[in-house]
Amino acid sequence: MTETPNIWSIVIEPDYQCEWYVGEVWVELAGHQWREDTVVDVDQTNFERRLAEQVNIIKDLLSKGDILNYGF
């Protein structure tokens, strides 16, 4: 893969309407952006751990350079 993917997350903290932490993992590659995954949890510690794990899984998949095995 000649281009390095940009991976980031957007976090929505609980409020009066939604009691969960919600995190969206986004990817930008080759001029395209997409939401790759969503993580939801009620416990902040578990949420942060799960979100970091998911970002690392996506980074590992994309760093292998084989787009066909990634699922495009």
PDB file of N, CA and C in Angstrom:
ATOM      1  N   MET A   1       0.857  -1.165   0.000  1.00  0.00           N
ATOM      2  CA  MET A   1       0.000   0.000   0.000  1.00  0.00           C
ATOM      3  C   MET A   1       0.903   1.228   0.000  1.00  0.00           C
ATOM      4  N   THR A   2       0.688   2.118  -0.924  1.00  0.00           N
ATOM      5  CA  THR A   2       1.552   3.278  -1.033  1.00  0.00           C
ATOM      6  C   THR A   2       1.123   4.422  -0.134  1.00  0.00           C
ATOM      7  N   GLU A   3      -0.108   4.444   0.259  1.00  0.00           N
ATOM      8  CA  GLU A   3      -0.616   5.534   1.085  1.00  0.00           C
ATOM      9  C   GLU A   3      -0.878   5.036   2.502  1.00  0.00           C
ATOM     10  N   THR A   4      -0.546   5.874   3.479  1.00  0.00           N
ATOM     11  CA  THR A   4      -0.778   5.519   4.874  1.00  0.00           C
ATOM     12  C   THR A   4      -2.196   5.924   5.272  1.00  0.00           C
ATOM     13  N   PRO A   5      -2.963   4.991   5.829  1.00  0.00           N
ATOM     14  CA  PRO A   5      -4.328   5.342   6.245  1.00  0.00           C
ATOM     15  C   PRO A   5      -4.323   6.242   7.470  1.00  0.00           C
ATOM     16  N   ASN A   6      -5.271   7.127   7.530  1.00  0.00           N
ATOM     17  CA  ASN A   6      -5.472   7.986   8.693  1.00  0.00           C
ATOM     18  C   ASN A   6      -6.643   7.400   9.474  1.00  0.00           C
ATOM     19  N   ILE A   7      -6.418   7.056  10.750  1.00  0.00           N
ATOM     20  CA  ILE A   7      -7.446   6.430  11.577  1.00  0.00           C
ATOM     21  C   ILE A   7      -7.670   7.299  12.801  1.00  0.00           C
ATOM     22  N   TRP A   8      -8.935   7.594  13.099  1.00  0.00           N
ATOM     23  CA  TRP A   8      -9.249   8.394  14.276  1.00  0.00           C
ATOM     24  C   TRP A   8     -10.580   7.945  14.849  1.00  0.00           C
ATOM     25  N   SER A   9     -10.867   8.419  16.059  1.00  0.00           N
ATOM     26  CA  SER A   9     -12.144   8.067  16.684  1.00  0.00           C
ATOM     27  C   SER A   9     -12.846   9.326  17.167  1.00  0.00           C
ATOM     28  N   ILE A  10     -14.150   9.258  17.166  1.00  0.00           N
ATOM     29  CA  ILE A  10     -15.004  10.320  17.688  1.00  0.00           C
ATOM     30  C   ILE A  10     -15.768   9.724  18.862  1.00  0.00           C
ATOM     31  N   VAL A  11     -15.717  10.394  20.011  1.00  0.00           N
ATOM     32  CA  VAL A  11     -16.335   9.870  21.227  1.00  0.00           C
ATOM     33  C   VAL A  11     -17.491  10.769  21.650  1.00  0.00           C
ATOM     34  N   ILE A  12     -18.613  10.131  21.959  1.00  0.00           N
ATOM     35  CA  ILE A  12     -19.774  10.831  22.505  1.00  0.00           C
ATOM     36  C   ILE A  12     -19.969  10.317  23.921  1.00  0.00           C
ATOM     37  N   GLU A  13     -19.885  11.214  24.884  1.00  0.00           N
ATOM     38  CA  GLU A  13     -20.013  10.821  26.284  1.00  0.00           C
ATOM     39  C   GLU A  13     -21.484  10.764  26.685  1.00  0.00           C
ATOM     40  N   PRO A  14     -21.792  10.015  27.745  1.00  0.00           N
ATOM     41  CA  PRO A  14     -23.188   9.897  28.186  1.00  0.00           C
ATOM     42  C   PRO A  14     -23.780  11.256  28.572  1.00  0.00           C
ATOM     43  N   ASP A  15     -25.074  11.378  28.358  1.00  0.00           N
ATOM     44  CA  ASP A  15     -25.800  12.568  28.795  1.00  0.00           C
ATOM     45  C   ASP A  15     -27.215  12.140  29.182  1.00  0.00           C
ATOM     46  N   TYR A  16     -28.104  13.076  29.325  1.00  0.00           N
ATOM     47  CA  TYR A  16     -29.453  12.741  29.782  1.00  0.00           C
ATOM     48  C   TYR A  16     -30.253  11.945  28.744  1.00  0.00           C
ATOM     49  N   GLN A  17     -29.849  11.993  27.479  1.00  0.00           N
ATOM     50  CA  GLN A  17     -30.571  11.262  26.437  1.00  0.00           C
ATOM     51  C   GLN A  17     -30.011   9.863  26.188  1.00  0.00           C
ATOM     52  N   CYS A  18     -28.720   9.700  26.400  1.00  0.00           N
ATOM     53  CA  CYS A  18     -28.059   8.426  26.111  1.00  0.00           C
ATOM     54  C   CYS A  18     -27.090   8.116  27.243  1.00  0.00           C
ATOM     55  N   GLU A  19     -27.264   6.983  27.896  1.00  0.00           N
ATOM     56  CA  GLU A  19     -26.456   6.655  29.072  1.00  0.00           C
ATOM     57  C   GLU A  19     -25.160   5.930  28.730  1.00  0.00           C
ATOM     58  N   TRP A  20     -24.859   5.752  27.445  1.00  0.00           N
ATOM     59  CA  TRP A  20     -23.690   4.989  27.034  1.00  0.00           C
ATOM     60  C   TRP A  20     -22.604   5.890  26.465  1.00  0.00           C
ATOM     61  N   TYR A  21     -21.367   5.388  26.554  1.00  0.00           N
ATOM     62  CA  TYR A  21     -20.256   5.966  25.808  1.00  0.00           C
ATOM     63  C   TYR A  21     -20.324   5.366  24.406  1.00  0.00           C
ATOM     64  N   VAL A  22     -20.245   6.218  23.404  1.00  0.00           N
ATOM     65  CA  VAL A  22     -20.299   5.760  22.020  1.00  0.00           C
ATOM     66  C   VAL A  22     -19.052   6.278  21.317  1.00  0.00           C
ATOM     67  N   GLY A  23     -18.340   5.383  20.663  1.00  0.00           N
ATOM     68  CA  GLY A  23     -17.145   5.762  19.915  1.00  0.00           C
ATOM     69  C   GLY A  23     -17.231   5.260  18.488  1.00  0.00           C
ATOM     70  N   GLU A  24     -16.972   6.131  17.543  1.00  0.00           N
ATOM     71  CA  GLU A  24     -16.941   5.753  16.134  1.00  0.00           C
ATOM     72  C   GLU A  24     -15.495   5.766  15.670  1.00  0.00           C
ATOM     73  N   VAL A  25     -15.071   4.703  15.016  1.00  0.00           N
ATOM     74  CA  VAL A  25     -13.721   4.612  14.467  1.00  0.00           C
ATOM     75  C   VAL A  25     -13.817   4.925  12.978  1.00  0.00           C
ATOM     76  N   TRP A  26     -13.092   5.957  12.553  1.00  0.00           N
ATOM     77  CA  TRP A  26     -13.117   6.416  11.167  1.00  0.00           C
ATOM     78  C   TRP A  26     -11.781   6.140  10.496  1.00  0.00           C
ATOM     79  N   VAL A  27     -11.832   5.903   9.184  1.00  0.00           N
ATOM     80  CA  VAL A  27     -10.637   5.651   8.387  1.00  0.00           C
ATOM     81  C   VAL A  27     -10.687   6.547   7.158  1.00  0.00           C
ATOM     82  N   GLU A  28      -9.524   7.094   6.807  1.00  0.00           N
ATOM     83  CA  GLU A  28      -9.378   7.822   5.544  1.00  0.00           C
ATOM     84  C   GLU A  28      -8.229   7.187   4.780  1.00  0.00           C
ATOM     85  N   LEU A  29      -8.506   6.803   3.538  1.00  0.00           N
ATOM     86  CA  LEU A  29      -7.495   6.158   2.707  1.00  0.00           C
ATOM     87  C   LEU A  29      -7.818   6.431   1.246  1.00  0.00           C
ATOM     88  N   ALA A  30      -6.826   6.827   0.503  1.00  0.00           N
ATOM     89  CA  ALA A  30      -6.957   7.047  -0.941  1.00  0.00           C
ATOM     90  C   ALA A  30      -8.087   8.019  -1.273  1.00  0.00           C
ATOM     91  N   GLY A  31      -8.229   9.063  -0.457  1.00  0.00           N
ATOM     92  CA  GLY A  31      -9.230  10.081  -0.719  1.00  0.00           C
ATOM     93  C   GLY A  31     -10.642   9.725  -0.295  1.00  0.00           C
ATOM     94  N   HIS A  32     -10.811   8.595   0.360  1.00  0.00           N
ATOM     95  CA  HIS A  32     -12.132   8.164   0.818  1.00  0.00           C
ATOM     96  C   HIS A  32     -12.148   8.084   2.336  1.00  0.00           C
ATOM     97  N   GLN A  33     -13.279   8.448   2.936  1.00  0.00           N
ATOM     98  CA  GLN A  33     -13.472   8.344   4.389  1.00  0.00           C
ATOM     99  C   GLN A  33     -14.672   7.459   4.664  1.00  0.00           C
ATOM    100  N   TRP A  34     -14.559   6.652   5.709  1.00  0.00           N
ATOM    101  CA  TRP A  34     -15.693   5.833   6.104  1.00  0.00           C
ATOM    102  C   TRP A  34     -15.614   5.502   7.585  1.00  0.00           C
ATOM    103  N   ARG A  35     -16.798   5.257   8.165  1.00  0.00           N
ATOM    104  CA  ARG A  35     -16.856   4.806   9.557  1.00  0.00           C
ATOM    105  C   ARG A  35     -16.660   3.304   9.532  1.00  0.00           C
ATOM    106  N   GLU A  36     -15.606   2.850  10.166  1.00  0.00           N
ATOM    107  CA  GLU A  36     -15.257   1.434  10.130  1.00  0.00           C
ATOM    108  C   GLU A  36     -15.958   0.631  11.220  1.00  0.00           C
ATOM    109  N   ASP A  37     -16.103   1.214  12.393  1.00  0.00           N
ATOM    110  CA  ASP A  37     -16.699   0.459  13.488  1.00  0.00           C
ATOM    111  C   ASP A  37     -17.266   1.414  14.524  1.00  0.00           C
ATOM    112  N   THR A  38     -18.152   0.885  15.363  1.00  0.00           N
ATOM    113  CA  THR A  38     -18.733   1.634  16.470  1.00  0.00           C
ATOM    114  C   THR A  38     -18.585   0.805  17.733  1.00  0.00           C
ATOM    115  N   VAL A  39     -18.139   1.451  18.811  1.00  0.00           N
ATOM    116  CA  VAL A  39     -17.966   0.793  20.106  1.00  0.00           C
ATOM    117  C   VAL A  39     -18.905   1.472  21.096  1.00  0.00           C
ATOM    118  N   VAL A  40     -19.648   0.668  21.870  1.00  0.00           N
ATOM    119  CA  VAL A  40     -20.602   1.196  22.847  1.00  0.00           C
ATOM    120  C   VAL A  40     -20.390   0.473  24.169  1.00  0.00           C
ATOM    121  N   ASP A  41     -20.358   1.230  25.273  1.00  0.00           N
ATOM    122  CA  ASP A  41     -20.226   0.629  26.603  1.00  0.00           C
ATOM    123  C   ASP A  41     -20.745   1.612  27.641  1.00  0.00           C
ATOM    124  N   VAL A  42     -21.177   1.090  28.786  1.00  0.00           N
ATOM    125  CA  VAL A  42     -21.654   1.956  29.863  1.00  0.00           C
ATOM    126  C   VAL A  42     -20.539   2.314  30.839  1.00  0.00           C
ATOM    127  N   ASP A  43     -19.474   1.523  30.864  1.00  0.00           N
ATOM    128  CA  ASP A  43     -18.362   1.760  31.777  1.00  0.00           C
ATOM    129  C   ASP A  43     -17.235   2.467  31.031  1.00  0.00           C
ATOM    130  N   GLN A  44     -16.776   3.591  31.547  1.00  0.00           N
ATOM    131  CA  GLN A  44     -15.771   4.388  30.846  1.00  0.00           C
ATOM    132  C   GLN A  44     -14.456   3.638  30.668  1.00  0.00           C
ATOM    133  N   THR A  45     -14.012   2.913  31.689  1.00  0.00           N
ATOM    134  CA  THR A  45     -12.744   2.185  31.598  1.00  0.00           C
ATOM    135  C   THR A  45     -12.811   1.108  30.519  1.00  0.00           C
ATOM    136  N   ASN A  46     -13.877   0.316  30.531  1.00  0.00           N
ATOM    137  CA  ASN A  46     -14.040  -0.715  29.501  1.00  0.00           C
ATOM    138  C   ASN A  46     -14.185  -0.101  28.119  1.00  0.00           C
ATOM    139  N   PHE A  47     -14.904   1.001  28.036  1.00  0.00           N
ATOM    140  CA  PHE A  47     -15.099   1.676  26.755  1.00  0.00           C
ATOM    141  C   PHE A  47     -13.765   2.132  26.170  1.00  0.00           C
ATOM    142  N   GLU A  48     -12.945   2.792  26.981  1.00  0.00           N
ATOM    143  CA  GLU A  48     -11.652   3.283  26.497  1.00  0.00           C
ATOM    144  C   GLU A  48     -10.757   2.134  26.049  1.00  0.00           C
ATOM    145  N   ARG A  49     -10.764   1.033  26.808  1.00  0.00           N
ATOM    146  CA  ARG A  49      -9.960  -0.135  26.446  1.00  0.00           C
ATOM    147  C   ARG A  49     -10.451  -0.741  25.132  1.00  0.00           C
ATOM    148  N   ARG A  50     -11.757  -0.930  25.010  1.00  0.00           N
ATOM    149  CA  ARG A  50     -12.323  -1.533  23.802  1.00  0.00           C
ATOM    150  C   ARG A  50     -12.111  -0.653  22.570  1.00  0.00           C
ATOM    151  N   LEU A  51     -12.232   0.654  22.744  1.00  0.00           N
ATOM    152  CA  LEU A  51     -12.025   1.571  21.621  1.00  0.00           C
ATOM    153  C   LEU A  51     -10.571   1.522  21.156  1.00  0.00           C
ATOM    154  N   ALA A  52      -9.631   1.535  22.105  1.00  0.00           N
ATOM    155  CA  ALA A  52      -8.209   1.445  21.750  1.00  0.00           C
ATOM    156  C   ALA A  52      -7.901   0.116  21.060  1.00  0.00           C
ATOM    157  N   GLU A  53      -8.480  -0.977  21.557  1.00  0.00           N
ATOM    158  CA  GLU A  53      -8.276  -2.285  20.930  1.00  0.00           C
ATOM    159  C   GLU A  53      -8.788  -2.289  19.495  1.00  0.00           C
ATOM    160  N   GLN A  54      -9.948  -1.707  19.272  1.00  0.00           N
ATOM    161  CA  GLN A  54     -10.527  -1.708  17.932  1.00  0.00           C
ATOM    162  C   GLN A  54      -9.701  -0.862  16.968  1.00  0.00           C
ATOM    163  N   VAL A  55      -9.211   0.277  17.426  1.00  0.00           N
ATOM    164  CA  VAL A  55      -8.346   1.113  16.583  1.00  0.00           C
ATOM    165  C   VAL A  55      -7.083   0.338  16.218  1.00  0.00           C
ATOM    166  N   ASN A  56      -6.492  -0.368  17.186  1.00  0.00           N
ATOM    167  CA  ASN A  56      -5.279  -1.146  16.920  1.00  0.00           C
ATOM    168  C   ASN A  56      -5.540  -2.297  15.955  1.00  0.00           C
ATOM    169  N   ILE A  57      -6.684  -2.956  16.080  1.00  0.00           N
ATOM    170  CA  ILE A  57      -7.028  -4.036  15.148  1.00  0.00           C
ATOM    171  C   ILE A  57      -7.117  -3.498  13.726  1.00  0.00           C
ATOM    172  N   ILE A  58      -7.766  -2.363  13.560  1.00  0.00           N
ATOM    173  CA  ILE A  58      -7.910  -1.774  12.226  1.00  0.00           C
ATOM    174  C   ILE A  58      -6.557  -1.332  11.686  1.00  0.00           C
ATOM    175  N   LYS A  59      -5.716  -0.728  12.537  1.00  0.00           N
ATOM    176  CA  LYS A  59      -4.367  -0.343  12.105  1.00  0.00           C
ATOM    177  C   LYS A  59      -3.577  -1.552  11.644  1.00  0.00           C
ATOM    178  N   ASP A  60      -3.655  -2.649  12.399  1.00  0.00           N
ATOM    179  CA  ASP A  60      -2.930  -3.866  12.025  1.00  0.00           C
ATOM    180  C   ASP A  60      -3.414  -4.414  10.689  1.00  0.00           C
ATOM    181  N   LEU A  61      -4.725  -4.451  10.492  1.00  0.00           N
ATOM    182  CA  LEU A  61      -5.268  -4.955   9.232  1.00  0.00           C
ATOM    183  C   LEU A  61      -4.816  -4.108   8.049  1.00  0.00           C
ATOM    184  N   LEU A  62      -4.860  -2.795   8.207  1.00  0.00           N
ATOM    185  CA  LEU A  62      -4.492  -1.908   7.102  1.00  0.00           C
ATOM    186  C   LEU A  62      -2.989  -1.857   6.874  1.00  0.00           C
ATOM    187  N   SER A  63      -2.188  -2.090   7.914  1.00  0.00           N
ATOM    188  CA  SER A  63      -0.735  -1.999   7.764  1.00  0.00           C
ATOM    189  C   SER A  63      -0.157  -3.187   7.012  1.00  0.00           C
ATOM    190  N   LYS A  64      -0.906  -4.280   6.897  1.00  0.00           N
ATOM    191  CA  LYS A  64      -0.414  -5.454   6.176  1.00  0.00           C
ATOM    192  C   LYS A  64      -0.339  -5.202   4.675  1.00  0.00           C
ATOM    193  N   GLY A  65      -1.059  -4.206   4.196  1.00  0.00           N
ATOM    194  CA  GLY A  65      -0.946  -3.803   2.801  1.00  0.00           C
ATOM    195  C   GLY A  65      -1.725  -4.651   1.819  1.00  0.00           C
ATOM    196  N   ASP A  66      -2.465  -5.624   2.293  1.00  0.00           N
ATOM    197  CA  ASP A  66      -3.235  -6.476   1.396  1.00  0.00           C
ATOM    198  C   ASP A  66      -4.707  -6.079   1.474  1.00  0.00           C
ATOM    199  N   ILE A  67      -5.110  -5.171   0.612  1.00  0.00           N
ATOM    200  CA  ILE A  67      -6.468  -4.640   0.649  1.00  0.00           C
ATOM    201  C   ILE A  67      -7.498  -5.730   0.371  1.00  0.00           C
ATOM    202  N   LEU A  68      -7.173  -6.707  -0.458  1.00  0.00           N
ATOM    203  CA  LEU A  68      -8.137  -7.759  -0.781  1.00  0.00           C
ATOM    204  C   LEU A  68      -8.519  -8.569   0.446  1.00  0.00           C
ATOM    205  N   ASN A  69      -7.584  -8.801   1.347  1.00  0.00           N
ATOM    206  CA  ASN A  69      -7.890  -9.546   2.565  1.00  0.00           C
ATOM    207  C   ASN A  69      -8.592  -8.688   3.601  1.00  0.00           C
ATOM    208  N   TYR A  70      -8.564  -7.379   3.434  1.00  0.00           N
ATOM    209  CA  TYR A  70      -9.215  -6.493   4.395  1.00  0.00           C
ATOM    210  C   TYR A  70     -10.718  -6.450   4.184  1.00  0.00           C
ATOM    211  N   GLY A  71     -11.171  -6.655   2.978  1.00  0.00           N
ATOM    212  CA  GLY A  71     -12.605  -6.713   2.743  1.00  0.00           C
ATOM    213  C   GLY A  71     -13.162  -5.597   1.878  1.00  0.00           C
ATOM    214  N   PHE A  72     -12.334  -4.956   1.106  1.00  0.00           N
ATOM    215  CA  PHE A  72     -12.823  -3.887   0.237  1.00  0.00           C
ATOM    216  C   PHE A  72     -13.565  -4.464  -0.940  1.00  0.00           C
TER     217      PHE A  72
END
